[in-house]
Amino acid sequence: MEKSETIAIPLLENEHVKELLAILEANNAPDRKNFFAVLNQVGAMERQLDAAVKELAAMRRELNEARELAHPVKTALQNAVKTLEKNVAVLRGRLDAVKQNVIEGCKNAVDAFKEKGISALHNVARFFKIRPLLEAMRNNLTENIRFDEAAISKIEAVSTEYHEAGRHVKNMARALTGMESVRDAKSAGRLTRALEAPFKTERSCFVSMKRNVEAALSGLATLEKAAERKPSIRKTMSALNEQIAQGKKEAPAAERPRPVAHDGR
């Protein structure tokens, strides 16, 4: 199976991942629950990113078919969707790298188990080089969430100014006819909601993904701390051998029997 095909399969359905999980479960490994939790978080990221891709694709189709939108508005929305699709594509690449490292780590862990037994998996976290990748994803998500929130705030500010200006014009006309002024501006209209929609869609997805990334990092930290508390078999045997050697040095040497003195008879 090619690398691209391997990545396309959901992580928990990968053969190497399933094999390692089965080994940990069969041997009642203490790390199995935390390890499975980390994999679940990565699986959740996959599903959230897939949902974002589908929603943005649906928006693009609707915009292409829309006839009632003014040309500048339609163009602005199409450009916004393209930008957000690029953001999603970058995250897809980062997530694929995480998945590839997990798969390679599972394969190496299974090989180690077959060679040395369950003791080789006492520190299962050492097989996975995903912390830097997850941290990069978290930073990327944080930046994109800020970008979306800034865009939403700007759209809302412009909308408020527009409706406020409309209220002033309306009140001038009402004053000329002796009618009471309108105090409140209209709430965000259809156009504002349409302009905000792509950014709100992406923000919702990325906020959820960031929670999963942070949960995965937390689970990884738990695995790493657990490994630090467990002395390795090699260290334990080395310490035991040192104690035995020290004991031999400190034990008193057995006295040799003294020769019996002869009186010459």
C-alpha atoms as a PDB file:
ATOM      1  CA  MET A   1       0.000   0.000   0.000  1.00  0.00           C
ATOM      2  CA  GLU A   2       1.360   3.433  -0.976  1.00  0.00           C
ATOM      3  CA  LYS A   3       1.966   6.173   1.591  1.00  0.00           C
ATOM      4  CA  SER A   4      -0.876   8.351   0.236  1.00  0.00           C
ATOM      5  CA  GLU A   5      -3.292   5.416   0.483  1.00  0.00           C
ATOM      6  CA  THR A   6      -2.132   4.669   4.028  1.00  0.00           C
ATOM      7  CA  ILE A   7      -2.730   8.274   5.104  1.00  0.00           C
ATOM      8  CA  ALA A   8      -6.181   8.305   3.498  1.00  0.00           C
ATOM      9  CA  ILE A   9      -7.346   5.491   5.821  1.00  0.00           C
ATOM     10  CA  PRO A  10      -8.662   6.651   9.239  1.00  0.00           C
ATOM     11  CA  LEU A  11      -5.895   6.237  11.812  1.00  0.00           C
ATOM     12  CA  LEU A  12      -7.716   3.732  14.031  1.00  0.00           C
ATOM     13  CA  GLU A  13      -8.295   1.490  11.010  1.00  0.00           C
ATOM     14  CA  ASN A  14      -4.600   1.248  10.102  1.00  0.00           C
ATOM     15  CA  GLU A  15      -3.215  -2.299  10.399  1.00  0.00           C
ATOM     16  CA  HIS A  16      -0.097  -1.300  12.399  1.00  0.00           C
ATOM     17  CA  VAL A  17      -2.135   0.805  14.826  1.00  0.00           C
ATOM     18  CA  LYS A  18      -4.649  -1.999  15.370  1.00  0.00           C
ATOM     19  CA  GLU A  19      -1.860  -4.539  15.893  1.00  0.00           C
ATOM     20  CA  LEU A  20      -0.143  -2.439  18.572  1.00  0.00           C
ATOM     21  CA  LEU A  21      -3.429  -1.741  20.354  1.00  0.00           C
ATOM     22  CA  ALA A  22      -4.176  -5.488  20.385  1.00  0.00           C
ATOM     23  CA  ILE A  23      -0.740  -6.232  21.886  1.00  0.00           C
ATOM     24  CA  LEU A  24      -1.151  -3.602  24.615  1.00  0.00           C
ATOM     25  CA  GLU A  25      -4.646  -4.893  25.427  1.00  0.00           C
ATOM     26  CA  ALA A  26      -3.627  -8.564  25.459  1.00  0.00           C
ATOM     27  CA  ASN A  27      -0.757  -7.823  27.846  1.00  0.00           C
ATOM     28  CA  ASN A  28      -2.855  -5.500  30.026  1.00  0.00           C
ATOM     29  CA  ALA A  29      -0.267  -2.751  29.508  1.00  0.00           C
ATOM     30  CA  PRO A  30      -0.833   0.194  31.892  1.00  0.00           C
ATOM     31  CA  ASP A  31      -0.232   2.711  29.078  1.00  0.00           C
ATOM     32  CA  ARG A  32      -2.916   1.314  26.780  1.00  0.00           C
ATOM     33  CA  LYS A  33      -5.773   3.615  27.894  1.00  0.00           C
ATOM     34  CA  ASN A  34      -3.758   6.847  27.629  1.00  0.00           C
ATOM     35  CA  PHE A  35      -2.305   5.742  24.295  1.00  0.00           C
ATOM     36  CA  PHE A  36      -5.759   4.917  22.937  1.00  0.00           C
ATOM     37  CA  ALA A  37      -7.012   8.327  24.159  1.00  0.00           C
ATOM     38  CA  VAL A  38      -4.264  10.112  22.167  1.00  0.00           C
ATOM     39  CA  LEU A  39      -5.204   8.132  19.047  1.00  0.00           C
ATOM     40  CA  ASN A  40      -8.872   9.025  19.587  1.00  0.00           C
ATOM     41  CA  GLN A  41      -7.992  12.731  19.673  1.00  0.00           C
ATOM     42  CA  VAL A  42      -6.136  12.433  16.363  1.00  0.00           C
ATOM     43  CA  GLY A  43      -9.136  10.565  14.924  1.00  0.00           C
ATOM     44  CA  ALA A  44     -11.439  13.370  16.070  1.00  0.00           C
ATOM     45  CA  MET A  45      -9.206  15.920  14.295  1.00  0.00           C
ATOM     46  CA  GLU A  46      -9.531  13.909  11.088  1.00  0.00           C
ATOM     47  CA  ARG A  47     -13.328  13.962  11.281  1.00  0.00           C
ATOM     48  CA  GLN A  48     -13.461  17.692  12.095  1.00  0.00           C
ATOM     49  CA  LEU A  49     -11.160  18.580   9.216  1.00  0.00           C
ATOM     50  CA  ASP A  50     -13.183  16.417   6.827  1.00  0.00           C
ATOM     51  CA  ALA A  51     -16.364  18.217   7.954  1.00  0.00           C
ATOM     52  CA  ALA A  52     -14.740  21.630   7.361  1.00  0.00           C
ATOM     53  CA  VAL A  53     -13.650  20.583   3.853  1.00  0.00           C
ATOM     54  CA  LYS A  54     -17.201  19.473   3.005  1.00  0.00           C
ATOM     55  CA  GLU A  55     -18.809  22.643   4.388  1.00  0.00           C
ATOM     56  CA  LEU A  56     -16.432  24.946   2.522  1.00  0.00           C
ATOM     57  CA  ALA A  57     -16.920  22.948  -0.681  1.00  0.00           C
ATOM     58  CA  ALA A  58     -20.702  23.284  -0.283  1.00  0.00           C
ATOM     59  CA  MET A  59     -20.326  27.049   0.239  1.00  0.00           C
ATOM     60  CA  ARG A  60     -18.226  27.327  -2.909  1.00  0.00           C
ATOM     61  CA  ARG A  61     -20.870  25.485  -4.950  1.00  0.00           C
ATOM     62  CA  GLU A  62     -23.648  27.684  -3.560  1.00  0.00           C
ATOM     63  CA  LEU A  63     -21.682  30.837  -4.374  1.00  0.00           C
ATOM     64  CA  ASN A  64     -20.997  29.664  -7.919  1.00  0.00           C
ATOM     65  CA  GLU A  65     -24.731  29.085  -8.425  1.00  0.00           C
ATOM     66  CA  ALA A  66     -25.898  32.251  -6.643  1.00  0.00           C
ATOM     67  CA  ARG A  67     -27.488  34.835  -8.914  1.00  0.00           C
ATOM     68  CA  GLU A  68     -28.991  37.250  -6.386  1.00  0.00           C
ATOM     69  CA  LEU A  69     -25.668  38.419  -4.882  1.00  0.00           C
ATOM     70  CA  ALA A  70     -24.088  41.615  -6.193  1.00  0.00           C
ATOM     71  CA  HIS A  71     -20.835  40.973  -8.065  1.00  0.00           C
ATOM     72  CA  PRO A  72     -18.465  42.587  -5.471  1.00  0.00           C
ATOM     73  CA  VAL A  73     -20.108  40.681  -2.595  1.00  0.00           C
ATOM     74  CA  LYS A  74     -19.976  37.379  -4.474  1.00  0.00           C
ATOM     75  CA  THR A  75     -16.325  37.929  -5.380  1.00  0.00           C
ATOM     76  CA  ALA A  76     -15.452  38.787  -1.773  1.00  0.00           C
ATOM     77  CA  LEU A  77     -17.149  35.613  -0.506  1.00  0.00           C
ATOM     78  CA  GLN A  78     -15.463  33.437  -3.139  1.00  0.00           C
ATOM     79  CA  ASN A  79     -12.063  34.878  -2.204  1.00  0.00           C
ATOM     80  CA  ALA A  80     -12.788  34.301   1.491  1.00  0.00           C
ATOM     81  CA  VAL A  81     -13.690  30.646   0.854  1.00  0.00           C
ATOM     82  CA  LYS A  82     -10.495  30.160  -1.198  1.00  0.00           C
ATOM     83  CA  THR A  83      -8.393  31.593   1.647  1.00  0.00           C
ATOM     84  CA  LEU A  84     -10.074  29.343   4.201  1.00  0.00           C
ATOM     85  CA  GLU A  85      -9.611  26.295   1.970  1.00  0.00           C
ATOM     86  CA  LYS A  86      -5.878  27.069   1.863  1.00  0.00           C
ATOM     87  CA  ASN A  87      -5.819  27.235   5.674  1.00  0.00           C
ATOM     88  CA  VAL A  88      -7.536  23.851   5.856  1.00  0.00           C
ATOM     89  CA  ALA A  89      -5.076  22.399   3.311  1.00  0.00           C
ATOM     90  CA  VAL A  90      -2.109  23.492   5.473  1.00  0.00           C
ATOM     91  CA  LEU A  91      -3.659  21.821   8.508  1.00  0.00           C
ATOM     92  CA  ARG A  92      -4.381  18.712   6.447  1.00  0.00           C
ATOM     93  CA  GLY A  93      -0.677  18.477   5.657  1.00  0.00           C
ATOM     94  CA  ARG A  94       0.254  18.816   9.328  1.00  0.00           C
ATOM     95  CA  LEU A  95      -2.315  16.224  10.383  1.00  0.00           C
ATOM     96  CA  ASP A  96      -1.097  13.804   7.690  1.00  0.00           C
ATOM     97  CA  ALA A  97       2.436  14.171   9.090  1.00  0.00           C
ATOM     98  CA  VAL A  98       1.136  13.362  12.590  1.00  0.00           C
ATOM     99  CA  LYS A  99      -0.679  10.285  11.254  1.00  0.00           C
ATOM    100  CA  GLN A 100       2.397   9.091   9.346  1.00  0.00           C
ATOM    101  CA  ASN A 101       4.578   9.383  12.463  1.00  0.00           C
ATOM    102  CA  VAL A 102       2.001   7.510  14.545  1.00  0.00           C
ATOM    103  CA  ILE A 103       1.803   4.712  11.978  1.00  0.00           C
ATOM    104  CA  GLU A 104       5.599   4.435  11.758  1.00  0.00           C
ATOM    105  CA  GLY A 105       5.806   4.507  15.563  1.00  0.00           C
ATOM    106  CA  CYS A 106       3.251   1.686  15.861  1.00  0.00           C
ATOM    107  CA  LYS A 107       5.146  -0.397  13.312  1.00  0.00           C
ATOM    108  CA  ASN A 108       8.448   0.102  15.171  1.00  0.00           C
ATOM    109  CA  ALA A 109       6.812  -0.651  18.530  1.00  0.00           C
ATOM    110  CA  VAL A 110       5.350  -3.924  17.199  1.00  0.00           C
ATOM    111  CA  ASP A 111       8.775  -4.909  15.793  1.00  0.00           C
ATOM    112  CA  ALA A 112      10.375  -4.165  19.190  1.00  0.00           C
ATOM    113  CA  PHE A 113       7.736  -6.272  20.946  1.00  0.00           C
ATOM    114  CA  LYS A 114       8.363  -9.219  18.617  1.00  0.00           C
ATOM    115  CA  GLU A 115      12.110  -8.981  19.275  1.00  0.00           C
ATOM    116  CA  LYS A 116      12.199  -8.273  23.027  1.00  0.00           C
ATOM    117  CA  GLY A 117       8.731  -8.929  24.420  1.00  0.00           C
ATOM    118  CA  ILE A 118       6.375  -6.656  26.367  1.00  0.00           C
ATOM    119  CA  SER A 119       9.255  -5.044  28.309  1.00  0.00           C
ATOM    120  CA  ALA A 120      10.135  -3.179  25.083  1.00  0.00           C
ATOM    121  CA  LEU A 121       6.828  -1.289  25.316  1.00  0.00           C
ATOM    122  CA  HIS A 122       7.166   0.005  28.867  1.00  0.00           C
ATOM    123  CA  ASN A 123       7.775   3.463  27.353  1.00  0.00           C
ATOM    124  CA  VAL A 124       5.484   3.361  24.331  1.00  0.00           C
ATOM    125  CA  ALA A 125       5.618   7.166  23.908  1.00  0.00           C
ATOM    126  CA  ARG A 126       9.277   7.006  22.791  1.00  0.00           C
ATOM    127  CA  PHE A 127       8.223   5.437  19.488  1.00  0.00           C
ATOM    128  CA  PHE A 128       6.207   8.500  18.438  1.00  0.00           C
ATOM    129  CA  LYS A 129       7.815  11.777  17.352  1.00  0.00           C
ATOM    130  CA  ILE A 130       4.585  13.767  17.237  1.00  0.00           C
ATOM    131  CA  ARG A 131       4.919  16.390  19.986  1.00  0.00           C
ATOM    132  CA  PRO A 132       6.586  19.036  17.734  1.00  0.00           C
ATOM    133  CA  LEU A 133       3.978  18.394  15.025  1.00  0.00           C
ATOM    134  CA  LEU A 134       1.064  18.739  17.451  1.00  0.00           C
ATOM    135  CA  GLU A 135       2.544  21.920  18.911  1.00  0.00           C
ATOM    136  CA  ALA A 136       2.924  23.359  15.395  1.00  0.00           C
ATOM    137  CA  MET A 137      -0.719  22.466  14.682  1.00  0.00           C
ATOM    138  CA  ARG A 138      -1.821  24.188  17.892  1.00  0.00           C
ATOM    139  CA  ASN A 139       0.064  27.367  16.937  1.00  0.00           C
ATOM    140  CA  ASN A 140      -1.350  27.268  13.406  1.00  0.00           C
ATOM    141  CA  LEU A 141      -4.892  26.819  14.725  1.00  0.00           C
ATOM    142  CA  THR A 142      -4.463  29.689  17.182  1.00  0.00           C
ATOM    143  CA  GLU A 143      -3.378  32.015  14.359  1.00  0.00           C
ATOM    144  CA  ASN A 144      -6.260  30.965  12.112  1.00  0.00           C
ATOM    145  CA  ILE A 145      -8.829  31.396  14.894  1.00  0.00           C
ATOM    146  CA  ARG A 146      -7.532  34.923  15.501  1.00  0.00           C
ATOM    147  CA  PHE A 147      -7.737  35.656  11.764  1.00  0.00           C
ATOM    148  CA  ASP A 148     -11.363  34.427  11.623  1.00  0.00           C
ATOM    149  CA  GLU A 149     -12.367  36.401  14.718  1.00  0.00           C
ATOM    150  CA  ALA A 150     -10.734  39.564  13.359  1.00  0.00           C
ATOM    151  CA  ALA A 151     -12.592  39.133  10.045  1.00  0.00           C
ATOM    152  CA  ILE A 152     -15.923  38.592  11.833  1.00  0.00           C
ATOM    153  CA  SER A 153     -15.361  41.639  14.044  1.00  0.00           C
ATOM    154  CA  LYS A 154     -14.503  43.791  11.030  1.00  0.00           C
ATOM    155  CA  ILE A 155     -17.629  42.669   9.133  1.00  0.00           C
ATOM    156  CA  GLU A 156     -19.799  43.352  12.177  1.00  0.00           C
ATOM    157  CA  ALA A 157     -18.211  46.784  12.692  1.00  0.00           C
ATOM    158  CA  VAL A 158     -18.819  47.773   9.066  1.00  0.00           C
ATOM    159  CA  SER A 159     -22.375  46.433   9.271  1.00  0.00           C
ATOM    160  CA  THR A 160     -23.040  48.439  12.436  1.00  0.00           C
ATOM    161  CA  GLU A 161     -21.695  51.607  10.839  1.00  0.00           C
ATOM    162  CA  TYR A 162     -23.831  51.000   7.764  1.00  0.00           C
ATOM    163  CA  HIS A 163     -27.011  50.475   9.780  1.00  0.00           C
ATOM    164  CA  GLU A 164     -26.181  53.398  12.073  1.00  0.00           C
ATOM    165  CA  ALA A 165     -25.783  55.672   9.067  1.00  0.00           C
ATOM    166  CA  GLY A 166     -29.091  54.364   7.733  1.00  0.00           C
ATOM    167  CA  ARG A 167     -30.764  55.115  11.054  1.00  0.00           C
ATOM    168  CA  HIS A 168     -29.515  58.724  10.975  1.00  0.00           C
ATOM    169  CA  VAL A 169     -30.838  59.240   7.443  1.00  0.00           C
ATOM    170  CA  LYS A 170     -34.168  57.690   8.401  1.00  0.00           C
ATOM    171  CA  ASN A 171     -34.431  59.892  11.518  1.00  0.00           C
ATOM    172  CA  MET A 172     -33.814  63.013   9.439  1.00  0.00           C
ATOM    173  CA  ALA A 173     -36.758  62.078   7.236  1.00  0.00           C
ATOM    174  CA  ARG A 174     -38.927  61.246  10.253  1.00  0.00           C
ATOM    175  CA  ALA A 175     -38.038  64.574  11.896  1.00  0.00           C
ATOM    176  CA  LEU A 176     -39.221  66.453   8.807  1.00  0.00           C
ATOM    177  CA  THR A 177     -42.600  64.721   9.080  1.00  0.00           C
ATOM    178  CA  GLY A 178     -42.809  65.193  12.863  1.00  0.00           C
ATOM    179  CA  MET A 179     -42.427  61.504  13.647  1.00  0.00           C
ATOM    180  CA  GLU A 180     -40.476  60.162  16.621  1.00  0.00           C
ATOM    181  CA  SER A 181     -36.846  59.164  15.980  1.00  0.00           C
ATOM    182  CA  VAL A 182     -35.787  55.515  15.758  1.00  0.00           C
ATOM    183  CA  ARG A 183     -33.360  54.787  18.601  1.00  0.00           C
ATOM    184  CA  ASP A 184     -31.920  51.386  17.695  1.00  0.00           C
ATOM    185  CA  ALA A 185     -30.159  50.463  14.502  1.00  0.00           C
ATOM    186  CA  LYS A 186     -31.185  47.282  12.719  1.00  0.00           C
ATOM    187  CA  SER A 187     -29.449  44.076  13.690  1.00  0.00           C
ATOM    188  CA  ALA A 188     -27.103  42.306  11.282  1.00  0.00           C
ATOM    189  CA  GLY A 189     -28.904  41.569   8.062  1.00  0.00           C
ATOM    190  CA  ARG A 190     -28.726  38.792   5.509  1.00  0.00           C
ATOM    191  CA  LEU A 191     -25.682  40.247   3.776  1.00  0.00           C
ATOM    192  CA  THR A 192     -23.709  40.462   7.021  1.00  0.00           C
ATOM    193  CA  ARG A 193     -24.592  36.874   7.932  1.00  0.00           C
ATOM    194  CA  ALA A 194     -23.554  35.710   4.451  1.00  0.00           C
ATOM    195  CA  LEU A 195     -20.184  37.477   4.723  1.00  0.00           C
ATOM    196  CA  GLU A 196     -19.557  36.067   8.207  1.00  0.00           C
ATOM    197  CA  ALA A 197     -20.600  32.496   7.376  1.00  0.00           C
ATOM    198  CA  PRO A 198     -17.282  31.156   5.960  1.00  0.00           C
ATOM    199  CA  PHE A 199     -15.260  32.602   8.838  1.00  0.00           C
ATOM    200  CA  LYS A 200     -17.689  31.310  11.470  1.00  0.00           C
ATOM    201  CA  THR A 201     -17.638  27.862   9.885  1.00  0.00           C
ATOM    202  CA  GLU A 202     -13.857  27.690   9.937  1.00  0.00           C
ATOM    203  CA  ARG A 203     -13.599  29.157  13.444  1.00  0.00           C
ATOM    204  CA  SER A 204     -16.015  26.571  14.829  1.00  0.00           C
ATOM    205  CA  CYS A 205     -14.022  23.739  13.270  1.00  0.00           C
ATOM    206  CA  PHE A 206     -10.645  25.101  14.367  1.00  0.00           C
ATOM    207  CA  VAL A 207     -11.742  25.779  17.955  1.00  0.00           C
ATOM    208  CA  SER A 208     -12.848  22.135  18.251  1.00  0.00           C
ATOM    209  CA  MET A 209      -9.641  20.917  16.628  1.00  0.00           C
ATOM    210  CA  LYS A 210      -7.514  22.987  18.986  1.00  0.00           C
ATOM    211  CA  ARG A 211      -9.239  21.369  21.969  1.00  0.00           C
ATOM    212  CA  ASN A 212      -8.402  17.944  20.530  1.00  0.00           C
ATOM    213  CA  VAL A 213      -4.782  18.920  19.866  1.00  0.00           C
ATOM    214  CA  GLU A 214      -4.402  20.143  23.447  1.00  0.00           C
ATOM    215  CA  ALA A 215      -6.025  16.951  24.748  1.00  0.00           C
ATOM    216  CA  ALA A 216      -3.629  14.859  22.621  1.00  0.00           C
ATOM    217  CA  LEU A 217      -0.649  16.818  23.969  1.00  0.00           C
ATOM    218  CA  SER A 218      -1.921  16.313  27.516  1.00  0.00           C
ATOM    219  CA  GLY A 219      -2.298  12.563  26.929  1.00  0.00           C
ATOM    220  CA  LEU A 220       1.188  12.412  25.444  1.00  0.00           C
ATOM    221  CA  ALA A 221       2.592  14.218  28.495  1.00  0.00           C
ATOM    222  CA  THR A 222       0.883  11.656  30.752  1.00  0.00           C
ATOM    223  CA  LEU A 223       2.528   8.812  28.822  1.00  0.00           C
ATOM    224  CA  GLU A 224       5.933  10.507  29.003  1.00  0.00           C
ATOM    225  CA  LYS A 225       5.660  11.128  32.757  1.00  0.00           C
ATOM    226  CA  ALA A 226       4.577   7.545  33.379  1.00  0.00           C
ATOM    227  CA  ALA A 227       7.635   6.342  31.468  1.00  0.00           C
ATOM    228  CA  GLU A 228       9.918   8.546  33.592  1.00  0.00           C
ATOM    229  CA  ARG A 229       8.588   6.931  36.768  1.00  0.00           C
ATOM    230  CA  LYS A 230       9.235   3.392  35.510  1.00  0.00           C
ATOM    231  CA  PRO A 231      12.842   2.201  35.753  1.00  0.00           C
ATOM    232  CA  SER A 232      13.844   0.244  32.680  1.00  0.00           C
ATOM    233  CA  ILE A 233      14.554  -3.493  32.929  1.00  0.00           C
ATOM    234  CA  ARG A 234      18.149  -2.846  31.894  1.00  0.00           C
ATOM    235  CA  LYS A 235      18.671  -0.292  34.653  1.00  0.00           C
ATOM    236  CA  THR A 236      17.053  -2.563  37.205  1.00  0.00           C
ATOM    237  CA  MET A 237      19.268  -5.503  36.235  1.00  0.00           C
ATOM    238  CA  SER A 238      22.346  -3.263  36.230  1.00  0.00           C
ATOM    239  CA  ALA A 239      21.550  -1.995  39.723  1.00  0.00           C
ATOM    240  CA  LEU A 240      20.969  -5.567  40.937  1.00  0.00           C
ATOM    241  CA  ASN A 241      24.281  -6.724  39.506  1.00  0.00           C
ATOM    242  CA  GLU A 242      26.051  -3.830  41.234  1.00  0.00           C
ATOM    243  CA  GLN A 243      24.471  -4.779  44.559  1.00  0.00           C
ATOM    244  CA  ILE A 244      25.584  -8.403  44.143  1.00  0.00           C
ATOM    245  CA  ALA A 245      29.124  -7.344  43.237  1.00  0.00           C
ATOM    246  CA  GLN A 246      29.285  -4.961  46.206  1.00  0.00           C
ATOM    247  CA  GLY A 247      28.042  -7.693  48.520  1.00  0.00           C
ATOM    248  CA  LYS A 248      30.830 -10.010  47.406  1.00  0.00           C
ATOM    249  CA  LYS A 249      33.451  -7.351  48.107  1.00  0.00           C
ATOM    250  CA  GLU A 250      32.163  -6.657  51.593  1.00  0.00           C
ATOM    251  CA  ALA A 251      31.775 -10.347  52.633  1.00  0.00           C
ATOM    252  CA  PRO A 252      34.681 -11.526  54.917  1.00  0.00           C
ATOM    253  CA  ALA A 253      37.067 -13.959  53.260  1.00  0.00           C
ATOM    254  CA  ALA A 254      36.806 -17.505  54.612  1.00  0.00           C
ATOM    255  CA  GLU A 255      39.706 -18.336  56.960  1.00  0.00           C
ATOM    256  CA  ARG A 256      42.039 -20.989  55.733  1.00  0.00           C
ATOM    257  CA  PRO A 257      42.627 -23.967  58.106  1.00  0.00           C
ATOM    258  CA  ARG A 258      45.899 -23.584  60.054  1.00  0.00           C
ATOM    259  CA  PRO A 259      48.463 -26.382  59.616  1.00  0.00           C
ATOM    260  CA  VAL A 260      48.750 -28.731  62.593  1.00  0.00           C
ATOM    261  CA  ALA A 261      52.049 -28.301  64.474  1.00  0.00           C
ATOM    262  CA  HIS A 262      54.209 -31.452  64.791  1.00  0.00           C
ATOM    263  CA  ASP A 263      56.454 -32.076  67.905  1.00  0.00           C
ATOM    264  CA  GLY A 264      58.943 -34.129  65.945  1.00  0.00           C
ATOM    265  CA  ARG A 265      57.678 -37.469  67.169  1.00  0.00           C
END
